């Protein structure tokens, strides 16, 4: 949505086809494609002039995001924002303790 003091407009800025299928010739090609798009998605979120925080739960998904973000920043520190990993650790025995 784009809103100004004088107008309001809805605009589609992305779309996808749920019927679209990707067919690669090998498992390695699928892995390479995933890595490419995963790194691209993380890199787009590092477009900041300030440090970027990543909430890390200890699972593989958030840890992977933090690792890729850190690697991108280390590889090109002037191109990507610094990354800060944050986590919440409740007191032992807390209802939030997993």
PDB file of N, CA and C in Angstrom:
ATOM      1  N   UNK A   1       0.836  -1.173   0.000  1.00  0.00           N
ATOM      2  CA  UNK A   1       0.000   0.000   0.000  1.00  0.00           C
ATOM      3  C   UNK A   1       0.882   1.238   0.000  1.00  0.00           C
ATOM      4  N   UNK A   2       0.475   2.207  -0.753  1.00  0.00           N
ATOM      5  CA  UNK A   2       1.175   3.485  -0.803  1.00  0.00           C
ATOM      6  C   UNK A   2       0.190   4.553  -0.349  1.00  0.00           C
ATOM      7  N   UNK A   3       0.564   5.233   0.715  1.00  0.00           N
ATOM      8  CA  UNK A   3      -0.325   6.257   1.253  1.00  0.00           C
ATOM      9  C   UNK A   3       0.416   7.576   1.331  1.00  0.00           C
ATOM     10  N   UNK A   4      -0.218   8.605   0.836  1.00  0.00           N
ATOM     11  CA  UNK A   4       0.292   9.966   0.944  1.00  0.00           C
ATOM     12  C   UNK A   4      -0.808  10.800   1.592  1.00  0.00           C
ATOM     13  N   UNK A   5      -0.537  12.036   1.933  1.00  0.00           N
ATOM     14  CA  UNK A   5      -1.600  12.859   2.509  1.00  0.00           C
ATOM     15  C   UNK A   5      -2.801  13.033   1.575  1.00  0.00           C
ATOM     16  N   UNK A   6      -2.571  12.871   0.261  1.00  0.00           N
ATOM     17  CA  UNK A   6      -3.646  13.096  -0.708  1.00  0.00           C
ATOM     18  C   UNK A   6      -4.234  11.840  -1.330  1.00  0.00           C
ATOM     19  N   UNK A   7      -3.580  10.683  -1.166  1.00  0.00           N
ATOM     20  CA  UNK A   7      -4.079   9.493  -1.855  1.00  0.00           C
ATOM     21  C   UNK A   7      -3.685   8.210  -1.134  1.00  0.00           C
ATOM     22  N   UNK A   8      -4.331   7.144  -1.573  1.00  0.00           N
ATOM     23  CA  UNK A   8      -4.043   5.802  -1.084  1.00  0.00           C
ATOM     24  C   UNK A   8      -4.159   4.860  -2.268  1.00  0.00           C
ATOM     25  N   UNK A   9      -3.151   4.001  -2.467  1.00  0.00           N
ATOM     26  CA  UNK A   9      -3.188   3.073  -3.597  1.00  0.00           C
ATOM     27  C   UNK A   9      -2.612   1.728  -3.173  1.00  0.00           C
ATOM     28  N   UNK A  10      -3.219   0.673  -3.681  1.00  0.00           N
ATOM     29  CA  UNK A  10      -2.696  -0.673  -3.476  1.00  0.00           C
ATOM     30  C   UNK A  10      -1.926  -1.066  -4.727  1.00  0.00           C
ATOM     31  N   UNK A  11      -0.753  -1.648  -4.516  1.00  0.00           N
ATOM     32  CA  UNK A  11       0.078  -2.037  -5.640  1.00  0.00           C
ATOM     33  C   UNK A  11       0.711  -3.388  -5.348  1.00  0.00           C
ATOM     34  N   UNK A  12       0.677  -4.301  -6.295  1.00  0.00           N
ATOM     35  CA  UNK A  12       1.321  -5.599  -6.134  1.00  0.00           C
ATOM     36  C   UNK A  12       2.805  -5.424  -6.439  1.00  0.00           C
ATOM     37  N   UNK A  13       3.656  -5.808  -5.496  1.00  0.00           N
ATOM     38  CA  UNK A  13       5.086  -5.681  -5.746  1.00  0.00           C
ATOM     39  C   UNK A  13       5.770  -7.039  -5.811  1.00  0.00           C
ATOM     40  N   UNK A  14       5.055  -8.106  -5.588  1.00  0.00           N
ATOM     41  CA  UNK A  14       5.568  -9.448  -5.817  1.00  0.00           C
ATOM     42  C   UNK A  14       4.401 -10.376  -6.085  1.00  0.00           C
ATOM     43  N   UNK A  15       4.706 -11.475  -6.711  1.00  0.00           N
ATOM     44  CA  UNK A  15       3.689 -12.464  -7.036  1.00  0.00           C
ATOM     45  C   UNK A  15       4.404 -13.792  -7.261  1.00  0.00           C
ATOM     46  N   UNK A  16       3.702 -14.869  -7.118  1.00  0.00           N
ATOM     47  CA  UNK A  16       4.294 -16.169  -7.397  1.00  0.00           C
ATOM     48  C   UNK A  16       3.229 -17.093  -7.958  1.00  0.00           C
ATOM     49  N   UNK A  17       3.700 -18.090  -8.662  1.00  0.00           N
ATOM     50  CA  UNK A  17       2.821 -19.080  -9.274  1.00  0.00           C
ATOM     51  C   UNK A  17       2.962 -20.374  -8.483  1.00  0.00           C
ATOM     52  N   UNK A  18       1.978 -20.756  -7.674  1.00  0.00           N
ATOM     53  CA  UNK A  18       2.109 -21.970  -6.863  1.00  0.00           C
ATOM     54  C   UNK A  18       2.201 -23.250  -7.699  1.00  0.00           C
ATOM     55  N   UNK A  19       1.840 -23.185  -8.968  1.00  0.00           N
ATOM     56  CA  UNK A  19       1.929 -24.361  -9.831  1.00  0.00           C
ATOM     57  C   UNK A  19       3.315 -24.493 -10.464  1.00  0.00           C
ATOM     58  N   UNK A  20       4.149 -23.458 -10.352  1.00  0.00           N
ATOM     59  CA  UNK A  20       5.481 -23.500 -10.958  1.00  0.00           C
ATOM     60  C   UNK A  20       6.346 -24.537 -10.249  1.00  0.00           C
ATOM     61  N   UNK A  21       7.031 -25.354 -10.991  1.00  0.00           N
ATOM     62  CA  UNK A  21       7.906 -26.385 -10.436  1.00  0.00           C
ATOM     63  C   UNK A  21       9.305 -26.211 -11.000  1.00  0.00           C
ATOM     64  N   UNK A  22      10.283 -26.438 -10.153  1.00  0.00           N
ATOM     65  CA  UNK A  22      11.682 -26.398 -10.567  1.00  0.00           C
ATOM     66  C   UNK A  22      12.161 -27.834 -10.687  1.00  0.00           C
ATOM     67  N   UNK A  23      12.810 -28.137 -11.788  1.00  0.00           N
ATOM     68  CA  UNK A  23      13.340 -29.487 -12.012  1.00  0.00           C
ATOM     69  C   UNK A  23      14.831 -29.376 -12.303  1.00  0.00           C
ATOM     70  N   UNK A  24      15.635 -29.905 -11.394  1.00  0.00           N
ATOM     71  CA  UNK A  24      17.080 -29.902 -11.575  1.00  0.00           C
ATOM     72  C   UNK A  24      17.543 -31.306 -11.921  1.00  0.00           C
ATOM     73  N   UNK A  25      18.737 -31.392 -12.487  1.00  0.00           N
ATOM     74  CA  UNK A  25      19.230 -32.695 -12.927  1.00  0.00           C
ATOM     75  C   UNK A  25      19.909 -33.492 -11.819  1.00  0.00           C
ATOM     76  N   UNK A  26      20.238 -32.831 -10.698  1.00  0.00           N
ATOM     77  CA  UNK A  26      20.895 -33.566  -9.614  1.00  0.00           C
ATOM     78  C   UNK A  26      20.582 -32.925  -8.270  1.00  0.00           C
ATOM     79  N   UNK A  27      20.828 -33.683  -7.215  1.00  0.00           N
ATOM     80  CA  UNK A  27      20.647 -33.169  -5.867  1.00  0.00           C
ATOM     81  C   UNK A  27      21.578 -31.986  -5.625  1.00  0.00           C
ATOM     82  N   UNK A  28      22.788 -32.061  -6.162  1.00  0.00           N
ATOM     83  CA  UNK A  28      23.742 -30.965  -6.024  1.00  0.00           C
ATOM     84  C   UNK A  28      23.235 -29.679  -6.655  1.00  0.00           C
ATOM     85  N   UNK A  29      22.535 -29.795  -7.790  1.00  0.00           N
ATOM     86  CA  UNK A  29      21.971 -28.608  -8.437  1.00  0.00           C
ATOM     87  C   UNK A  29      20.869 -27.981  -7.581  1.00  0.00           C
ATOM     88  N   UNK A  30      20.056 -28.816  -6.928  1.00  0.00           N
ATOM     89  CA  UNK A  30      19.039 -28.283  -6.012  1.00  0.00           C
ATOM     90  C   UNK A  30      19.710 -27.552  -4.851  1.00  0.00           C
ATOM     91  N   UNK A  31      20.765 -28.154  -4.291  1.00  0.00           N
ATOM     92  CA  UNK A  31      21.476 -27.539  -3.173  1.00  0.00           C
ATOM     93  C   UNK A  31      22.100 -26.216  -3.596  1.00  0.00           C
ATOM     94  N   UNK A  32      22.708 -26.174  -4.774  1.00  0.00           N
ATOM     95  CA  UNK A  32      23.314 -24.944  -5.276  1.00  0.00           C
ATOM     96  C   UNK A  32      22.261 -23.852  -5.483  1.00  0.00           C
ATOM     97  N   UNK A  33      21.113 -24.223  -6.036  1.00  0.00           N
ATOM     98  CA  UNK A  33      20.021 -23.265  -6.231  1.00  0.00           C
ATOM     99  C   UNK A  33      19.491 -22.744  -4.910  1.00  0.00           C
ATOM    100  N   UNK A  34      19.319 -23.646  -3.939  1.00  0.00           N
ATOM    101  CA  UNK A  34      18.848 -23.211  -2.626  1.00  0.00           C
ATOM    102  C   UNK A  34      19.831 -22.229  -2.007  1.00  0.00           C
ATOM    103  N   UNK A  35      21.127 -22.568  -2.047  1.00  0.00           N
ATOM    104  CA  UNK A  35      22.145 -21.686  -1.462  1.00  0.00           C
ATOM    105  C   UNK A  35      22.109 -20.305  -2.114  1.00  0.00           C
ATOM    106  N   UNK A  36      21.994 -20.271  -3.433  1.00  0.00           N
ATOM    107  CA  UNK A  36      21.952 -18.994  -4.157  1.00  0.00           C
ATOM    108  C   UNK A  36      20.795 -18.125  -3.665  1.00  0.00           C
ATOM    109  N   UNK A  37      19.586 -18.680  -3.631  1.00  0.00           N
ATOM    110  CA  UNK A  37      18.410 -17.894  -3.233  1.00  0.00           C
ATOM    111  C   UNK A  37      18.398 -17.582  -1.740  1.00  0.00           C
ATOM    112  N   UNK A  38      18.908 -18.496  -0.924  1.00  0.00           N
ATOM    113  CA  UNK A  38      18.984 -18.257   0.512  1.00  0.00           C
ATOM    114  C   UNK A  38      19.937 -17.100   0.799  1.00  0.00           C
ATOM    115  N   UNK A  39      21.130 -17.128   0.191  1.00  0.00           N
ATOM    116  CA  UNK A  39      22.091 -16.035   0.387  1.00  0.00           C
ATOM    117  C   UNK A  39      21.546 -14.715  -0.147  1.00  0.00           C
ATOM    118  N   UNK A  40      20.849 -14.769  -1.269  1.00  0.00           N
ATOM    119  CA  UNK A  40      20.266 -13.553  -1.843  1.00  0.00           C
ATOM    120  C   UNK A  40      19.226 -12.957  -0.884  1.00  0.00           C
ATOM    121  N   UNK A  41      18.388 -13.811  -0.308  1.00  0.00           N
ATOM    122  CA  UNK A  41      17.356 -13.335   0.622  1.00  0.00           C
ATOM    123  C   UNK A  41      17.987 -12.717   1.867  1.00  0.00           C
ATOM    124  N   UNK A  42      19.023 -13.349   2.411  1.00  0.00           N
ATOM    125  CA  UNK A  42      19.692 -12.799   3.598  1.00  0.00           C
ATOM    126  C   UNK A  42      20.387 -11.490   3.235  1.00  0.00           C
ATOM    127  N   UNK A  43      21.068 -11.451   2.097  1.00  0.00           N
ATOM    128  CA  UNK A  43      21.787 -10.241   1.675  1.00  0.00           C
ATOM    129  C   UNK A  43      20.839  -9.051   1.541  1.00  0.00           C
ATOM    130  N   UNK A  44      19.650  -9.287   1.024  1.00  0.00           N
ATOM    131  CA  UNK A  44      18.690  -8.192   0.868  1.00  0.00           C
ATOM    132  C   UNK A  44      18.292  -7.600   2.212  1.00  0.00           C
ATOM    133  N   UNK A  45      18.337  -8.385   3.253  1.00  0.00           N
ATOM    134  CA  UNK A  45      17.959  -7.894   4.577  1.00  0.00           C
ATOM    135  C   UNK A  45      19.115  -7.222   5.303  1.00  0.00           C
ATOM    136  N   UNK A  46      20.296  -7.272   4.714  1.00  0.00           N
ATOM    137  CA  UNK A  46      21.456  -6.609   5.299  1.00  0.00           C
ATOM    138  C   UNK A  46      21.711  -5.249   4.660  1.00  0.00           C
ATOM    139  N   UNK A  47      20.772  -4.786   3.874  1.00  0.00           N
ATOM    140  CA  UNK A  47      20.897  -3.465   3.242  1.00  0.00           C
ATOM    141  C   UNK A  47      20.508  -2.413   4.270  1.00  0.00           C
ATOM    142  N   UNK A  48      21.447  -2.077   5.140  1.00  0.00           N
ATOM    143  CA  UNK A  48      21.177  -1.142   6.231  1.00  0.00           C
ATOM    144  C   UNK A  48      22.441  -0.364   6.547  1.00  0.00           C
ATOM    145  N   UNK A  49      22.270   0.832   7.029  1.00  0.00           N
ATOM    146  CA  UNK A  49      23.422   1.611   7.481  1.00  0.00           C
ATOM    147  C   UNK A  49      23.709   1.343   8.948  1.00  0.00           C
ATOM    148  N   UNK A  50      22.865   0.583   9.595  1.00  0.00           N
ATOM    149  CA  UNK A  50      23.005   0.251  11.017  1.00  0.00           C
ATOM    150  C   UNK A  50      23.162  -1.264  11.158  1.00  0.00           C
ATOM    151  N   UNK A  51      23.687  -1.734  12.266  1.00  0.00           N
ATOM    152  CA  UNK A  51      23.775  -3.179  12.486  1.00  0.00           C
ATOM    153  C   UNK A  51      22.389  -3.836  12.429  1.00  0.00           C
ATOM    154  N   UNK A  52      22.376  -5.078  11.992  1.00  0.00           N
ATOM    155  CA  UNK A  52      21.138  -5.849  11.860  1.00  0.00           C
ATOM    156  C   UNK A  52      21.152  -6.954  12.915  1.00  0.00           C
ATOM    157  N   UNK A  53      20.062  -7.087  13.663  1.00  0.00           N
ATOM    158  CA  UNK A  53      19.949  -8.128  14.686  1.00  0.00           C
ATOM    159  C   UNK A  53      19.235  -9.346  14.113  1.00  0.00           C
ATOM    160  N   UNK A  54      19.708 -10.518  14.513  1.00  0.00           N
ATOM    161  CA  UNK A  54      19.074 -11.781  14.131  1.00  0.00           C
ATOM    162  C   UNK A  54      18.698 -12.496  15.419  1.00  0.00           C
ATOM    163  N   UNK A  55      17.408 -12.792  15.586  1.00  0.00           N
ATOM    164  CA  UNK A  55      16.958 -13.550  16.754  1.00  0.00           C
ATOM    165  C   UNK A  55      17.312 -15.014  16.529  1.00  0.00           C
ATOM    166  N   UNK A  56      18.162 -15.550  17.392  1.00  0.00           N
ATOM    167  CA  UNK A  56      18.664 -16.918  17.232  1.00  0.00           C
ATOM    168  C   UNK A  56      18.064 -17.787  18.330  1.00  0.00           C
ATOM    169  N   UNK A  57      17.311 -18.798  17.910  1.00  0.00           N
ATOM    170  CA  UNK A  57      16.647 -19.677  18.865  1.00  0.00           C
ATOM    171  C   UNK A  57      17.493 -20.883  19.222  1.00  0.00           C
ATOM    172  N   UNK A  58      18.505 -21.159  18.441  1.00  0.00           N
ATOM    173  CA  UNK A  58      19.303 -22.365  18.645  1.00  0.00           C
ATOM    174  C   UNK A  58      18.950 -23.441  17.637  1.00  0.00           C
ATOM    175  N   UNK A  59      17.881 -23.221  16.875  1.00  0.00           N
ATOM    176  CA  UNK A  59      17.513 -24.162  15.821  1.00  0.00           C
ATOM    177  C   UNK A  59      18.349 -23.929  14.573  1.00  0.00           C
ATOM    178  N   UNK A  60      18.198 -24.808  13.609  1.00  0.00           N
ATOM    179  CA  UNK A  60      19.001 -24.704  12.388  1.00  0.00           C
ATOM    180  C   UNK A  60      18.608 -23.525  11.507  1.00  0.00           C
ATOM    181  N   UNK A  61      17.334 -23.157  11.482  1.00  0.00           N
ATOM    182  CA  UNK A  61      16.921 -22.082  10.572  1.00  0.00           C
ATOM    183  C   UNK A  61      17.521 -20.745  10.981  1.00  0.00           C
ATOM    184  N   UNK A  62      17.322 -20.322  12.222  1.00  0.00           N
ATOM    185  CA  UNK A  62      17.843 -19.020  12.641  1.00  0.00           C
ATOM    186  C   UNK A  62      19.368 -19.037  12.711  1.00  0.00           C
ATOM    187  N   UNK A  63      19.969 -20.154  13.088  1.00  0.00           N
ATOM    188  CA  UNK A  63      21.425 -20.252  13.123  1.00  0.00           C
ATOM    189  C   UNK A  63      22.012 -20.146  11.711  1.00  0.00           C
ATOM    190  N   UNK A  64      21.329 -20.724  10.733  1.00  0.00           N
ATOM    191  CA  UNK A  64      21.779 -20.642   9.340  1.00  0.00           C
ATOM    192  C   UNK A  64      21.704 -19.214   8.829  1.00  0.00           C
ATOM    193  N   UNK A  65      20.634 -18.516   9.176  1.00  0.00           N
ATOM    194  CA  UNK A  65      20.493 -17.111   8.764  1.00  0.00           C
ATOM    195  C   UNK A  65      21.631 -16.289   9.359  1.00  0.00           C
ATOM    196  N   UNK A  66      21.913 -16.468  10.649  1.00  0.00           N
ATOM    197  CA  UNK A  66      22.992 -15.727  11.303  1.00  0.00           C
ATOM    198  C   UNK A  66      24.337 -16.057  10.666  1.00  0.00           C
ATOM    199  N   UNK A  67      24.605 -17.321  10.399  1.00  0.00           N
ATOM    200  CA  UNK A  67      25.884 -17.719   9.812  1.00  0.00           C
ATOM    201  C   UNK A  67      26.078 -17.111   8.422  1.00  0.00           C
ATOM    202  N   UNK A  68      25.048 -17.153   7.593  1.00  0.00           N
ATOM    203  CA  UNK A  68      25.154 -16.584   6.245  1.00  0.00           C
ATOM    204  C   UNK A  68      25.310 -15.071   6.330  1.00  0.00           C
ATOM    205  N   UNK A  69      24.548 -14.416   7.196  1.00  0.00           N
ATOM    206  CA  UNK A  69      24.646 -12.962   7.349  1.00  0.00           C
ATOM    207  C   UNK A  69      26.053 -12.571   7.804  1.00  0.00           C
ATOM    208  N   UNK A  70      26.588 -13.284   8.767  1.00  0.00           N
ATOM    209  CA  UNK A  70      27.931 -12.996   9.264  1.00  0.00           C
ATOM    210  C   UNK A  70      28.962 -13.204   8.148  1.00  0.00           C
ATOM    211  N   UNK A  71      28.817 -14.288   7.397  1.00  0.00           N
ATOM    212  CA  UNK A  71      29.744 -14.559   6.294  1.00  0.00           C
ATOM    213  C   UNK A  71      29.697 -13.483   5.215  1.00  0.00           C
ATOM    214  N   UNK A  72      28.505 -13.009   4.891  1.00  0.00           N
ATOM    215  CA  UNK A  72      28.378 -11.948   3.894  1.00  0.00           C
ATOM    216  C   UNK A  72      29.053 -10.671   4.384  1.00  0.00           C
ATOM    217  N   UNK A  73      28.818 -10.322   5.644  1.00  0.00           N
ATOM    218  CA  UNK A  73      29.444  -9.116   6.199  1.00  0.00           C
ATOM    219  C   UNK A  73      30.968  -9.258   6.236  1.00  0.00           C
ATOM    220  N   UNK A  74      31.467 -10.400   6.661  1.00  0.00           N
ATOM    221  CA  UNK A  74      32.917 -10.609   6.731  1.00  0.00           C
ATOM    222  C   UNK A  74      33.554 -10.564   5.346  1.00  0.00           C
ATOM    223  N   UNK A  75      32.847 -11.108   4.356  1.00  0.00           N
ATOM    224  CA  UNK A  75      33.380 -11.138   2.996  1.00  0.00           C
ATOM    225  C   UNK A  75      33.417  -9.770   2.336  1.00  0.00           C
ATOM    226  N   UNK A  76      32.433  -8.938   2.649  1.00  0.00           N
ATOM    227  CA  UNK A  76      32.354  -7.591   2.070  1.00  0.00           C
ATOM    228  C   UNK A  76      31.799  -6.629   3.116  1.00  0.00           C
ATOM    229  N   UNK A  77      32.596  -6.260   4.126  1.00  0.00           N
ATOM    230  CA  UNK A  77      32.089  -5.444   5.232  1.00  0.00           C
ATOM    231  C   UNK A  77      31.528  -4.090   4.816  1.00  0.00           C
ATOM    232  N   UNK A  78      31.993  -3.520   3.725  1.00  0.00           N
ATOM    233  CA  UNK A  78      31.464  -2.237   3.279  1.00  0.00           C
ATOM    234  C   UNK A  78      30.143  -2.365   2.559  1.00  0.00           C
ATOM    235  N   UNK A  79      29.814  -3.578   2.127  1.00  0.00           N
ATOM    236  CA  UNK A  79      28.594  -3.802   1.350  1.00  0.00           C
ATOM    237  C   UNK A  79      27.417  -4.272   2.193  1.00  0.00           C
ATOM    238  N   UNK A  80      27.714  -4.899   3.329  1.00  0.00           N
ATOM    239  CA  UNK A  80      26.654  -5.461   4.157  1.00  0.00           C
ATOM    240  C   UNK A  80      26.794  -4.969   5.594  1.00  0.00           C
ATOM    241  N   UNK A  81      25.653  -4.757   6.236  1.00  0.00           N
ATOM    242  CA  UNK A  81      25.636  -4.272   7.619  1.00  0.00           C
ATOM    243  C   UNK A  81      26.238  -5.306   8.564  1.00  0.00           C
ATOM    244  N   UNK A  82      26.819  -4.842   9.668  1.00  0.00           N
ATOM    245  CA  UNK A  82      27.263  -5.774  10.707  1.00  0.00           C
ATOM    246  C   UNK A  82      26.056  -6.520  11.275  1.00  0.00           C
ATOM    247  N   UNK A  83      26.308  -7.699  11.798  1.00  0.00           N
ATOM    248  CA  UNK A  83      25.225  -8.564  12.280  1.00  0.00           C
ATOM    249  C   UNK A  83      25.421  -8.852  13.766  1.00  0.00           C
ATOM    250  N   UNK A  84      24.321  -8.794  14.502  1.00  0.00           N
ATOM    251  CA  UNK A  84      24.336  -9.092  15.931  1.00  0.00           C
ATOM    252  C   UNK A  84      23.359 -10.237  16.176  1.00  0.00           C
ATOM    253  N   UNK A  85      23.840 -11.319  16.758  1.00  0.00           N
ATOM    254  CA  UNK A  85      22.970 -12.433  17.114  1.00  0.00           C
ATOM    255  C   UNK A  85      22.408 -12.225  18.509  1.00  0.00           C
ATOM    256  N   UNK A  86      21.103 -12.345  18.644  1.00  0.00           N
ATOM    257  CA  UNK A  86      20.442 -12.183  19.941  1.00  0.00           C
ATOM    258  C   UNK A  86      19.679 -13.453  20.284  1.00  0.00           C
ATOM    259  N   UNK A  87      19.669 -13.797  21.553  1.00  0.00           N
ATOM    260  CA  UNK A  87      18.874 -14.940  21.988  1.00  0.00           C
ATOM    261  C   UNK A  87      18.305 -14.644  23.375  1.00  0.00           C
ATOM    262  N   UNK A  88      17.296 -15.372  23.754  1.00  0.00           N
ATOM    263  CA  UNK A  88      16.686 -15.234  25.066  1.00  0.00           C
ATOM    264  C   UNK A  88      16.940 -16.526  25.828  1.00  0.00           C
ATOM    265  N   UNK A  89      17.503 -16.405  26.999  1.00  0.00           N
ATOM    266  CA  UNK A  89      17.762 -17.574  27.840  1.00  0.00           C
ATOM    267  C   UNK A  89      17.026 -17.391  29.154  1.00  0.00           C
ATOM    268  N   UNK A  90      15.920 -18.108  29.350  1.00  0.00           N
ATOM    269  CA  UNK A  90      15.162 -17.964  30.604  1.00  0.00           C
ATOM    270  C   UNK A  90      15.907 -18.622  31.762  1.00  0.00           C
ATOM    271  N   UNK A  91      15.521 -18.269  32.950  1.00  0.00           N
ATOM    272  CA  UNK A  91      16.101 -18.879  34.150  1.00  0.00           C
ATOM    273  C   UNK A  91      15.762 -20.367  34.166  1.00  0.00           C
ATOM    274  N   UNK A  92      16.651 -21.180  34.723  1.00  0.00           N
ATOM    275  CA  UNK A  92      16.400 -22.613  34.844  1.00  0.00           C
ATOM    276  C   UNK A  92      15.072 -22.847  35.559  1.00  0.00           C
ATOM    277  N   UNK A  93      14.262 -23.740  35.024  1.00  0.00           N
ATOM    278  CA  UNK A  93      12.990 -24.084  35.643  1.00  0.00           C
ATOM    279  C   UNK A  93      11.847 -23.156  35.249  1.00  0.00           C
ATOM    280  N   UNK A  94      12.149 -22.109  34.484  1.00  0.00           N
ATOM    281  CA  UNK A  94      11.111 -21.183  34.033  1.00  0.00           C
ATOM    282  C   UNK A  94      10.158 -21.894  33.077  1.00  0.00           C
ATOM    283  N   UNK A  95       8.880 -21.497  33.038  1.00  0.00           N
ATOM    284  CA  UNK A  95       7.939 -22.097  32.061  1.00  0.00           C
ATOM    285  C   UNK A  95       8.416 -21.899  30.610  1.00  0.00           C
ATOM    286  N   UNK A  96       9.282 -20.902  30.385  1.00  0.00           N
ATOM    287  CA  UNK A  96       9.773 -20.656  29.033  1.00  0.00           C
ATOM    288  C   UNK A  96      11.021 -21.493  28.729  1.00  0.00           C
ATOM    289  N   UNK A  97      11.546 -22.190  29.737  1.00  0.00           N
ATOM    290  CA  UNK A  97      12.745 -23.022  29.541  1.00  0.00           C
ATOM    291  C   UNK A  97      12.388 -24.262  28.735  1.00  0.00           C
ATOM    292  N   UNK A  98      13.049 -24.417  27.619  1.00  0.00           N
ATOM    293  CA  UNK A  98      12.779 -25.585  26.758  1.00  0.00           C
ATOM    294  C   UNK A  98      13.634 -26.738  27.191  1.00  0.00           C
TER     295      UNK A  98
END
